[in-house]
Every structure is written in C-alpha cells, then in structure tokens.
Amino acid sequence: MVFLICAISLPHQAHASPSVSTAGPAVARAQVVLGEEAARRYILAETNEARSAAGLAPVSAHEVLNEVAQSCSQTQAANDAMAHCTGYQSRYPVGWTAASENVAMGYSVESVVDGWMNSEGHRANILRADATHLGIGYAVSSSGRPYYTQNFASYPRAVGVAAEVPIFRFYSPAYRGHFYTASAAERDMIRERWADVWNYEGSAYTAFTTQVPGTVPLFRFWSAEYAGHFYTAHAGERDEVIRRWPDVWSYEGVAYYVYPSESTVPQTVPVARFWGPTVRHHFYTASPGESDYVRQNWSSTWVYESTAFRVPAAGAPPR
C-alpha cells in the first residue's frame, strides 16, 4: 500500500504555488470500511480532537466545503492519482479570509488524520488557530485506493453559541432496548416504517449537532447481533470497541455532541449509563428520578455503570 499526503495553504486572494510535502504511513488504529458520510464524521471528530488537544476551538462542518472537498477526492480517485484541486478556494462561499487544503492517498479512514498530524505542513493546516470551517472528501478509486481531501476556511465567527436540539428516544419491546437520535428526519422515518418495532418516547434530553466549546463527539455503534446501538463519548473506548469487536459492533460515526463526564461547565447534568447483561443493551437517562427508579427496582436487569456524559440542564427531564 502506498501512502502519500500533500498540503497547501493560502491567505485571502493569494496566488502562491502550492507547497508540497510528503510523509510516511501512519499506523492505523483499526481497519474498518466506512461509507462516505461515516468517514466524513470520523475525520471531522479526529480533526477536532487534535485541535482540542492543542487548546483550539473546533472547526464546524460546512455543506458547501464538503462538496468542494468531495469533488476533489472524486477527481483524484477517477485519475487514481493524488493531486491538489487548482482554484479550490474559488468555489468557497464568499467572505473567507484564509483557505487551506490537505490531501492524502492510501491511508485508512482511522489513520489519515494521524498521517497529516505527523507532517509539519498538514499539521499546521489542521491546527490553524483562525480556521472555523472544514469540508471533507472521501472517495475510493477502481483499484481500491482511498483518496482524502480536507478544505479548511476561516470566516468571521458568528456571535453566540449553536442552539441545543432535542435528542429523540425510542424503545423496542421486541429488542428490549432504546435508541437515541438527534435527527428529526431519522425520527420520522422510524415512526413511519417501524412503528410496530419502535415506540417513540419523546425527547430524552438536548445536545448539539455542531461542536461547541467544551463538548466532545458522542460516537455511535450498531450491532446486528444484539439488535441495538451503543454510544460512548470516550475516544479510547470507541477505538477499543472497533479493535476488539469489529464483527459485533459497526461504527456509524458521530451521533451528536455532548459534554464529557468530567466537565465542570455549569448548568449541565449527568447522563447515567446502564448495562443489561440479559438483554445485551445499554440504557442512558438524564433523568435522576428514572435513574434512581431503575437502580432501586430493576438492579437485576439493568446494572449501573457510570456517568456516560453530561448534557444541558435546561433540556433534561425534571426529576
């Protein structure tokens, strides 16, 4: 397998030639075949983990920049050759003050951000302090070689914080498990197609579909064997599940954004996590009353594990 990466960075209206660098392959944490959207979510989460570790604000996904990056990756895959996309910044929405692009070839989805971070030029693009938005492209050539693109942009940051959104909760008597989603479209699709399998229970709590300061990604898995989902806000646990149980748990990407369990952000509440050894599912609740009731009356069915993460108090159920 050949691994190659290349970076370019432009200030507003600059016309410099691209600066090219290469780096050796990074060690992949896991080998998992992901679809385009799941790969995009994974790379965005890894990028923001790197920025958070450097004390930087997260970058937000941008639909138009995703289209720019995807077009670039598809062109590379069609030619089966890595190259920057000339004039990519001309397709950015107006108002940008800086633009940069990373491309890579041959890496796994799980290792490509590590590959970029191990190269000075690419790391500089990922850790650019004024970067605000990111587009991600992922395409595979006919020979099976993956091509990746990151298109960063700097825009004046909007005043305020992203709005909280409700997290919709379902329960399946057949599967004896719960399902949680931030997507109203997914909620409506489940209610329309599988009303006989999933009972809609309403909003469980609120969270964020765009990463805001202090939050982390909540990673989502699906198990056909257990007919249920698993959620974790810990990147280490995500990686362990991917490494140890790839045949049991399929990684689906970032579900939404929450505060970590150790967060000291005011006006947040813990979400309790339970494990059902018989039903083989996890259960999550932001309601202290529900948590206490389950622990007192269903301790043989649901074993309390820990605080999984925290969410805004304003959107949590009353006691």
Protein backbone atom coordinates (compact mmCIF):
# COMPACT_ATOMS: atom_id res chain seq x y z
CA MET A 1 0.00 0.00 0.00
CA VAL A 2 1.31 3.45 -0.96
CA PHE A 3 0.71 6.31 1.46
CA LEU A 4 1.06 9.91 0.27
CA ILE A 5 -0.09 13.28 1.59
CA CYS A 6 0.16 16.86 0.36
CA ALA A 7 -0.74 20.27 1.80
CA ILE A 8 -1.42 23.77 0.53
CA SER A 9 -2.33 26.93 2.43
CA LEU A 10 -3.48 30.26 1.02
CA PRO A 11 -4.23 33.62 2.61
CA HIS A 12 -7.15 35.54 1.13
CA GLN A 13 -6.55 36.34 -2.56
CA ALA A 14 -3.06 34.84 -2.52
CA HIS A 15 -1.70 33.35 -5.72
CA ALA A 16 1.27 31.38 -4.43
CA SER A 17 2.11 27.97 -5.83
CA PRO A 18 1.18 25.04 -3.59
CA SER A 19 3.80 23.89 -1.13
CA VAL A 20 4.06 20.11 -1.25
CA SER A 21 5.24 17.75 1.47
CA THR A 22 5.16 14.00 1.92
CA ALA A 23 5.18 11.78 4.97
CA GLY A 24 5.48 8.11 5.77
CA PRO A 25 2.46 5.99 6.60
CA ALA A 26 0.81 6.31 9.97
CA VAL A 27 -0.20 3.27 11.96
CA ALA A 28 -3.93 2.70 11.68
CA ARG A 29 -5.83 2.18 14.93
CA ALA A 30 -8.28 -0.10 13.17
CA GLN A 31 -9.21 -1.24 9.70
CA VAL A 32 -12.90 -0.52 9.22
CA VAL A 33 -14.64 0.09 5.90
CA LEU A 34 -16.84 3.17 6.29
CA GLY A 35 -19.26 4.89 3.96
CA GLU A 36 -18.74 8.44 2.77
CA GLU A 37 -20.81 10.12 5.50
CA ALA A 38 -19.43 7.95 8.32
CA ALA A 39 -15.87 8.58 7.10
CA ARG A 40 -16.56 12.31 6.99
CA ARG A 41 -17.89 12.31 10.55
CA TYR A 42 -14.93 10.25 11.78
CA ILE A 43 -12.33 12.54 10.17
CA LEU A 44 -14.09 15.65 11.49
CA ALA A 45 -14.12 14.21 15.02
CA GLU A 46 -10.43 13.24 14.81
CA THR A 47 -9.53 16.69 13.48
CA ASN A 48 -11.34 18.40 16.33
CA GLU A 49 -9.74 16.06 18.87
CA ALA A 50 -6.34 17.23 17.60
CA ARG A 51 -7.42 20.87 17.78
CA SER A 52 -8.85 20.42 21.28
CA ALA A 53 -5.58 18.85 22.47
CA ALA A 54 -3.81 21.98 21.19
CA GLY A 55 -6.23 24.27 23.03
CA LEU A 56 -8.03 25.38 19.86
CA ALA A 57 -11.72 25.80 19.12
CA PRO A 58 -13.32 23.11 16.96
CA VAL A 59 -13.98 23.63 13.27
CA SER A 60 -17.55 23.16 12.04
CA ALA A 61 -18.64 21.03 9.12
CA HIS A 62 -19.75 23.08 6.12
CA GLU A 63 -22.00 21.67 3.40
CA VAL A 64 -20.52 23.70 0.53
CA LEU A 65 -16.95 22.96 1.62
CA ASN A 66 -17.87 19.25 1.82
CA GLU A 67 -18.96 19.48 -1.82
CA VAL A 68 -15.67 21.15 -2.79
CA ALA A 69 -13.63 18.52 -0.95
CA GLN A 70 -15.71 15.61 -2.25
CA SER A 71 -15.32 16.80 -5.83
CA CYS A 72 -11.56 16.95 -5.32
CA SER A 73 -11.40 13.43 -3.88
CA GLN A 74 -13.59 12.06 -6.66
CA THR A 75 -11.33 13.63 -9.30
CA GLN A 76 -8.26 12.07 -7.68
CA ALA A 77 -10.00 8.68 -7.44
CA ALA A 78 -11.10 8.85 -11.07
CA ASN A 79 -7.49 9.51 -12.13
CA ASP A 80 -6.11 7.21 -9.41
CA ALA A 81 -3.50 9.89 -8.69
CA MET A 82 -3.14 12.29 -5.78
CA ALA A 83 -3.22 16.00 -6.62
CA HIS A 84 -4.47 19.29 -5.24
CA CYS A 85 -7.51 20.80 -6.93
CA THR A 86 -6.43 24.01 -8.62
CA GLY A 87 -8.53 27.00 -7.66
CA TYR A 88 -10.45 25.14 -4.97
CA GLN A 89 -10.81 28.36 -2.95
CA SER A 90 -12.73 29.99 -5.81
CA ARG A 91 -15.60 27.61 -5.00
CA TYR A 92 -15.73 28.67 -1.34
CA PRO A 93 -18.67 30.80 -0.19
CA VAL A 94 -17.67 34.47 -0.18
CA GLY A 95 -16.25 36.08 2.92
CA TRP A 96 -13.37 33.74 3.71
CA THR A 97 -10.13 35.23 4.98
CA ALA A 98 -7.89 32.16 4.69
CA ALA A 99 -8.06 28.81 2.91
CA SER A 100 -6.01 25.64 3.05
CA GLU A 101 -6.19 22.11 1.72
CA ASN A 102 -4.81 18.74 2.78
CA VAL A 103 -4.97 15.71 0.52
CA ALA A 104 -3.93 12.12 1.19
CA MET A 105 -3.91 8.76 -0.58
CA GLY A 106 -3.78 5.20 0.66
CA TYR A 107 -4.45 5.67 4.36
CA SER A 108 -7.29 4.02 6.24
CA VAL A 109 -10.04 6.33 7.48
CA GLU A 110 -8.81 5.69 11.02
CA SER A 111 -5.19 6.67 10.28
CA VAL A 112 -5.36 9.53 7.80
CA VAL A 113 -5.59 12.32 10.40
CA ASP A 114 -2.62 10.79 12.21
CA GLY A 115 -0.74 10.85 8.91
CA TRP A 116 -1.50 14.53 8.40
CA MET A 117 -0.61 15.34 12.02
CA ASN A 118 2.79 13.67 11.56
CA SER A 119 3.64 16.09 8.74
CA GLU A 120 4.54 19.69 9.54
CA GLY A 121 2.61 21.36 6.71
CA HIS A 122 -0.55 19.34 7.17
CA ARG A 123 -0.44 19.70 10.95
CA ALA A 124 -0.18 23.47 10.52
CA ASN A 125 -3.37 23.46 8.44
CA ILE A 126 -5.24 21.32 10.99
CA LEU A 127 -4.03 23.47 13.88
CA ARG A 128 -4.54 26.82 12.21
CA ALA A 129 -5.93 28.99 15.00
CA ASP A 130 -8.25 31.05 12.81
CA ALA A 131 -9.80 28.10 10.96
CA THR A 132 -13.55 28.00 11.54
CA HIS A 133 -14.98 25.55 8.99
CA LEU A 134 -13.98 22.33 7.26
CA GLY A 135 -15.08 20.34 4.23
CA ILE A 136 -14.08 16.68 3.92
CA GLY A 137 -13.90 14.47 0.84
CA TYR A 138 -13.52 10.69 0.66
CA ALA A 139 -13.55 8.57 -2.50
CA VAL A 140 -12.13 5.20 -3.50
CA SER A 141 -10.59 4.50 -6.90
CA SER A 142 -11.42 1.48 -9.07
CA SER A 143 -8.20 -0.09 -7.78
CA GLY A 144 -9.45 0.23 -4.20
CA ARG A 145 -7.17 3.11 -3.21
CA PRO A 146 -8.82 5.73 -0.95
CA TYR A 147 -8.35 9.47 -1.56
CA TYR A 148 -8.99 12.12 1.09
CA THR A 149 -9.35 15.90 1.00
CA GLN A 150 -9.67 18.50 3.75
CA ASN A 151 -10.69 22.04 2.77
CA PHE A 152 -10.30 24.49 5.64
CA ALA A 153 -11.72 28.01 5.65
CA SER A 154 -11.56 30.96 8.01
CA TYR A 155 -14.74 33.01 8.35
CA PRO A 156 -15.60 35.62 10.97
CA ARG A 157 -17.13 33.63 13.82
CA ALA A 158 -20.80 34.23 14.41
CA VAL A 159 -21.79 35.70 17.71
CA GLY A 160 -23.43 33.27 20.09
CA VAL A 161 -23.46 29.52 20.58
CA ALA A 162 -25.09 26.83 18.50
CA ALA A 163 -28.60 26.04 19.63
CA GLU A 164 -29.36 22.88 21.54
CA VAL A 165 -31.50 20.29 19.78
CA PRO A 166 -33.73 17.60 21.27
CA ILE A 167 -32.48 14.02 21.36
CA PHE A 168 -35.34 11.72 20.44
CA ARG A 169 -35.75 8.44 22.30
CA PHE A 170 -37.37 5.19 21.19
CA TYR A 171 -37.96 1.88 22.98
CA SER A 172 -38.39 -1.50 21.32
CA PRO A 173 -40.28 -4.15 23.31
CA ALA A 174 -39.11 -6.71 20.74
CA TYR A 175 -35.41 -5.84 21.17
CA ARG A 176 -35.80 -4.67 24.79
CA GLY A 177 -33.56 -1.70 24.08
CA HIS A 178 -33.55 2.04 23.45
CA PHE A 179 -32.45 4.13 20.50
CA TYR A 180 -31.47 7.83 20.52
CA THR A 181 -31.13 10.25 17.60
CA ALA A 182 -30.72 13.99 17.05
CA SER A 183 -32.13 13.73 13.54
CA ALA A 184 -35.78 14.67 13.12
CA ALA A 185 -35.67 13.01 9.70
CA GLU A 186 -34.44 9.74 11.21
CA ARG A 187 -37.07 10.00 13.95
CA ASP A 188 -39.85 10.47 11.39
CA MET A 189 -38.55 7.66 9.19
CA ILE A 190 -38.54 5.21 12.12
CA ARG A 191 -42.04 6.22 13.18
CA GLU A 192 -43.29 5.75 9.62
CA ARG A 193 -41.55 2.49 8.73
CA TRP A 194 -41.12 0.64 12.02
CA ALA A 195 -43.88 1.82 14.32
CA ASP A 196 -44.56 -1.82 15.18
CA VAL A 197 -40.97 -2.26 16.37
CA TRP A 198 -40.02 1.07 17.93
CA ASN A 199 -42.21 3.05 20.32
CA TYR A 200 -41.48 6.78 20.24
CA GLU A 201 -40.98 8.16 23.77
CA GLY A 202 -40.25 11.82 23.04
CA SER A 203 -37.24 13.96 23.89
CA ALA A 204 -34.74 12.37 26.29
CA TYR A 205 -32.55 15.50 26.69
CA THR A 206 -30.86 18.09 24.48
CA ALA A 207 -27.40 18.17 22.90
CA PHE A 208 -25.64 19.76 19.90
CA THR A 209 -25.36 18.77 16.24
CA THR A 210 -22.40 21.15 15.83
CA GLN A 211 -19.44 21.00 18.21
CA VAL A 212 -19.31 23.95 20.60
CA PRO A 213 -16.56 24.79 23.11
CA GLY A 214 -16.38 22.27 25.92
CA THR A 215 -18.18 19.48 24.07
CA VAL A 216 -16.93 16.19 22.65
CA PRO A 217 -18.32 13.83 19.99
CA LEU A 218 -20.71 11.08 21.08
CA PHE A 219 -19.80 8.05 18.97
CA ARG A 220 -22.49 5.65 17.78
CA PHE A 221 -22.31 1.92 17.03
CA TRP A 222 -24.86 -0.57 15.74
CA SER A 223 -24.90 -4.31 16.47
CA ALA A 224 -26.96 -6.57 14.23
CA GLU A 225 -26.21 -9.40 16.64
CA TYR A 226 -27.68 -7.54 19.63
CA ALA A 227 -30.17 -5.52 17.55
CA GLY A 228 -29.20 -2.34 19.33
CA HIS A 229 -27.00 0.74 19.49
CA PHE A 230 -24.12 1.67 21.75
CA TYR A 231 -22.98 5.23 22.47
CA THR A 232 -19.76 6.47 24.03
CA ALA A 233 -18.16 9.89 24.48
CA HIS A 234 -14.72 8.37 25.08
CA ALA A 235 -12.47 8.11 22.02
CA GLY A 236 -10.41 5.43 23.76
CA GLU A 237 -13.48 3.24 24.30
CA ARG A 238 -14.55 3.82 20.70
CA ASP A 239 -11.16 2.64 19.48
CA GLU A 240 -11.22 -0.38 21.78
CA VAL A 241 -14.64 -1.46 20.51
CA ILE A 242 -13.51 -1.04 16.90
CA ARG A 243 -10.33 -3.03 17.57
CA ARG A 244 -11.76 -5.86 19.66
CA TRP A 245 -15.28 -6.41 18.30
CA PRO A 246 -15.45 -5.39 14.63
CA ASP A 247 -17.71 -8.37 13.92
CA VAL A 248 -20.17 -7.37 16.64
CA TRP A 249 -20.25 -3.57 16.56
CA SER A 250 -20.35 -1.49 13.38
CA TYR A 251 -19.08 2.06 13.87
CA GLU A 252 -21.57 4.62 12.49
CA GLY A 253 -19.73 7.85 13.30
CA VAL A 254 -20.63 10.85 15.47
CA ALA A 255 -24.23 10.88 16.70
CA TYR A 256 -24.08 14.41 18.18
CA TYR A 257 -22.02 16.43 20.68
CA VAL A 258 -22.19 16.34 24.48
CA TYR A 259 -20.13 17.46 27.46
CA PRO A 260 -17.66 14.89 28.82
CA SER A 261 -18.46 13.17 32.10
CA GLU A 262 -15.77 15.15 33.92
CA SER A 263 -16.96 18.52 32.57
CA THR A 264 -17.28 21.41 35.02
CA VAL A 265 -19.42 23.51 32.67
CA PRO A 266 -22.24 24.95 34.79
CA GLN A 267 -25.89 24.12 34.18
CA THR A 268 -25.21 20.61 32.91
CA VAL A 269 -26.48 17.31 34.27
CA PRO A 270 -25.09 13.76 34.13
CA VAL A 271 -26.45 11.07 31.85
CA ALA A 272 -26.41 7.72 33.64
CA ARG A 273 -25.35 4.62 31.74
CA PHE A 274 -26.69 1.15 32.49
CA TRP A 275 -25.85 -2.27 31.03
CA GLY A 276 -28.40 -5.07 30.68
CA PRO A 277 -26.47 -8.37 30.82
CA THR A 278 -29.56 -10.34 29.81
CA VAL A 279 -30.92 -8.08 27.07
CA ARG A 280 -27.39 -7.15 25.90
CA HIS A 281 -28.14 -3.46 25.59
CA HIS A 282 -27.08 -0.18 27.17
CA PHE A 283 -29.60 2.28 28.56
CA TYR A 284 -28.99 6.01 29.06
CA THR A 285 -31.03 8.54 31.00
CA ALA A 286 -30.62 12.18 32.01
CA SER A 287 -33.49 11.89 34.49
CA PRO A 288 -32.24 11.41 38.07
CA GLY A 289 -35.72 10.13 39.01
CA GLU A 290 -35.65 7.49 36.28
CA SER A 291 -32.07 6.58 37.16
CA ASP A 292 -32.96 6.13 40.84
CA TYR A 293 -36.06 4.10 39.99
CA VAL A 294 -34.12 1.73 37.72
CA ARG A 295 -31.38 1.27 40.31
CA GLN A 296 -33.90 0.55 43.08
CA ASN A 297 -36.35 -1.65 41.18
CA TRP A 298 -34.52 -3.14 38.20
CA SER A 299 -31.00 -3.70 39.51
CA SER A 300 -31.01 -7.34 38.38
CA THR A 301 -31.91 -6.28 34.83
CA TRP A 302 -30.00 -3.00 34.50
CA VAL A 303 -26.57 -2.64 36.09
CA TYR A 304 -25.47 0.96 36.67
CA GLU A 305 -22.05 1.58 35.13
CA SER A 306 -21.21 5.27 35.44
CA THR A 307 -21.94 8.78 34.21
CA ALA A 308 -21.59 8.42 30.45
CA PHE A 309 -21.52 12.16 29.64
CA ARG A 310 -23.28 15.41 30.55
CA VAL A 311 -25.94 17.45 28.76
CA PRO A 312 -27.53 20.91 29.21
CA ALA A 313 -29.70 21.02 32.31
CA ALA A 314 -32.36 23.10 30.57
CA GLY A 315 -33.22 20.25 28.19
CA ALA A 316 -33.11 17.41 30.71
CA PRO A 317 -36.31 15.90 32.17
CA PRO A 318 -37.43 17.18 35.57
CA ARG A 319 -36.83 14.89 38.49
